[in-house]
C-alpha atoms as a PDB file:
ATOM      1  CA  MET A   1      -3.999 -89.513  37.922  1.00  0.00           C
ATOM      2  CA  ASN A   2      -3.964 -91.913  40.850  1.00  0.00           C
ATOM      3  CA  ARG A   3      -0.283 -91.885  41.704  1.00  0.00           C
ATOM      4  CA  PRO A   4       2.301 -89.127  41.419  1.00  0.00           C
ATOM      5  CA  LEU A   5       5.096 -89.496  38.921  1.00  0.00           C
ATOM      6  CA  THR A   6       8.386 -90.835  40.194  1.00  0.00           C
ATOM      7  CA  ALA A   7      11.535 -88.738  40.014  1.00  0.00           C
ATOM      8  CA  ASN A   8      12.754 -90.793  37.034  1.00  0.00           C
ATOM      9  CA  GLU A   9       9.442 -90.378  35.217  1.00  0.00           C
ATOM     10  CA  CYS A  10       9.674 -86.621  35.718  1.00  0.00           C
ATOM     11  CA  ARG A  11      13.255 -86.570  34.434  1.00  0.00           C
ATOM     12  CA  VAL A  12      12.364 -88.509  31.292  1.00  0.00           C
ATOM     13  CA  LEU A  13       9.368 -86.254  30.607  1.00  0.00           C
ATOM     14  CA  GLU A  14      11.497 -83.168  31.168  1.00  0.00           C
ATOM     15  CA  CYS A  15      14.001 -84.427  28.603  1.00  0.00           C
ATOM     16  CA  LEU A  16      11.183 -85.033  26.153  1.00  0.00           C
ATOM     17  CA  ALA A  17       9.656 -81.618  26.880  1.00  0.00           C
ATOM     18  CA  ASP A  18      12.749 -79.470  27.079  1.00  0.00           C
ATOM     19  CA  GLU A  19      14.906 -81.031  24.429  1.00  0.00           C
ATOM     20  CA  GLY A  20      12.557 -83.157  22.339  1.00  0.00           C
ATOM     21  CA  ALA A  21      15.154 -85.868  22.824  1.00  0.00           C
ATOM     22  CA  LEU A  22      14.899 -89.389  21.519  1.00  0.00           C
ATOM     23  CA  PHE A  23      15.050 -92.349  23.875  1.00  0.00           C
ATOM     24  CA  LYS A  24      18.471 -93.269  22.492  1.00  0.00           C
ATOM     25  CA  ASP A  25      19.670 -89.869  23.780  1.00  0.00           C
ATOM     26  CA  ILE A  26      17.695 -89.816  27.029  1.00  0.00           C
ATOM     27  CA  GLY A  27      19.003 -93.138  28.333  1.00  0.00           C
ATOM     28  CA  PRO A  28      22.708 -92.227  28.324  1.00  0.00           C
ATOM     29  CA  THR A  29      21.978 -88.651  29.468  1.00  0.00           C
ATOM     30  CA  LEU A  30      20.186 -89.951  32.574  1.00  0.00           C
ATOM     31  CA  GLY A  31      22.497 -92.920  33.071  1.00  0.00           C
ATOM     32  CA  ILE A  32      19.817 -95.507  32.299  1.00  0.00           C
ATOM     33  CA  SER A  33      19.340 -97.948  29.435  1.00  0.00           C
ATOM     34  CA  ILE A  34      17.284 -97.015  26.391  1.00  0.00           C
ATOM     35  CA  ASN A  35      14.738 -99.684  27.316  1.00  0.00           C
ATOM     36  CA  THR A  36      14.463 -98.292  30.840  1.00  0.00           C
ATOM     37  CA  ALA A  37      13.890 -94.817  29.397  1.00  0.00           C
ATOM     38  CA  LYS A  38      11.116 -96.187  27.164  1.00  0.00           C
ATOM     39  CA  ARG A  39       9.493 -98.158  29.971  1.00  0.00           C
ATOM     40  CA  THR A  40       9.703 -95.189  32.322  1.00  0.00           C
ATOM     41  CA  ALA A  41       8.084 -92.933  29.717  1.00  0.00           C
ATOM     42  CA  LEU A  42       5.294 -95.455  29.101  1.00  0.00           C
ATOM     43  CA  ASN A  43       4.602 -95.630  32.842  1.00  0.00           C
ATOM     44  CA  ALA A  44       4.421 -91.832  32.936  1.00  0.00           C
ATOM     45  CA  TYR A  45       2.083 -91.764  29.920  1.00  0.00           C
ATOM     46  CA  ARG A  46      -0.212 -94.227  31.676  1.00  0.00           C
ATOM     47  CA  LYS A  47      -0.239 -92.210  34.894  1.00  0.00           C
ATOM     48  CA  LEU A  48      -0.988 -89.031  32.953  1.00  0.00           C
ATOM     49  CA  GLY A  49      -3.684 -90.693  30.845  1.00  0.00           C
ATOM     50  CA  ALA A  50      -1.771 -89.847  27.663  1.00  0.00           C
ATOM     51  CA  LYS A  51      -1.554 -92.030  24.572  1.00  0.00           C
ATOM     52  CA  ASN A  52       1.649 -90.530  23.190  1.00  0.00           C
ATOM     53  CA  ARG A  53       4.674 -88.450  24.161  1.00  0.00           C
ATOM     54  CA  TRP A  54       3.257 -85.155  22.942  1.00  0.00           C
ATOM     55  CA  ARG A  55       0.106 -85.433  25.038  1.00  0.00           C
ATOM     56  CA  ALA A  56       2.159 -86.585  28.016  1.00  0.00           C
ATOM     57  CA  VAL A  57       4.572 -83.666  27.621  1.00  0.00           C
ATOM     58  CA  ASP A  58       1.679 -81.208  27.316  1.00  0.00           C
ATOM     59  CA  ARG A  59      -0.019 -82.573  30.415  1.00  0.00           C
ATOM     60  CA  HIS A  60       3.285 -82.679  32.297  1.00  0.00           C
ATOM     61  CA  ARG A  61       3.956 -79.021  31.454  1.00  0.00           C
ATOM     62  CA  ARG A  62       0.534 -77.976  32.718  1.00  0.00           C
ATOM     63  CA  LEU A  63       0.769 -80.027  35.900  1.00  0.00           C
ATOM     64  CA  ARG A  64       4.527 -79.932  36.483  1.00  0.00           C
ATOM     65  CA  GLY A  65       4.359 -78.182  39.838  1.00  0.00           C
ATOM     66  CA  HIS A  66       1.811 -80.617  41.204  1.00  0.00           C
ATOM     67  CA  ILE A  67       2.952 -84.027  40.047  1.00  0.00           C
ATOM     68  CA  CYS A  68       6.704 -84.073  40.490  1.00  0.00           C
ATOM     69  CA  GLN A  69       6.812 -84.054  44.262  1.00  0.00           C
ATOM     70  CA  HIS A  70       9.599 -86.610  44.415  1.00  0.00           C
ATOM     71  CA  LEU A  71      11.846 -84.705  42.036  1.00  0.00           C
ATOM     72  CA  ARG A  72      11.290 -81.413  43.844  1.00  0.00           C
ATOM     73  CA  LEU A  73      12.127 -82.980  47.221  1.00  0.00           C
ATOM     74  CA  GLU A  74      15.216 -84.628  45.784  1.00  0.00           C
ATOM     75  CA  ARG A  75      16.454 -81.324  44.343  1.00  0.00           C
ATOM     76  CA  GLU A  76      15.905 -79.610  47.698  1.00  0.00           C
ATOM     77  CA  ARG A  77      17.916 -82.315  49.454  1.00  0.00           C
ATOM     78  CA  GLU A  78      20.752 -81.982  46.928  1.00  0.00           C
ATOM     79  CA  ALA A  79      20.789 -78.210  47.364  1.00  0.00           C
ATOM     80  CA  ALA A  80      21.049 -78.594  51.136  1.00  0.00           C
ATOM     81  CA  ILE A  81      24.212 -80.711  50.861  1.00  0.00           C
END
């Protein structure tokens, strides 16, 4: 993986991993369009070298602590407010 996942990519993968949600559910949950959710997931799959959601979710689970730097920093900032 050349680039870390963005915060949005991590959020979409977490929805897929934790809830097994469909894109039609993920978009409104995260306040983004369904197409944006799909595109974001595809970008994450590419970065993770995964060909489908299940492989991406598996890889994300194994690497979660290492690849979601942006999301972790954002959560720390929110907690500090």
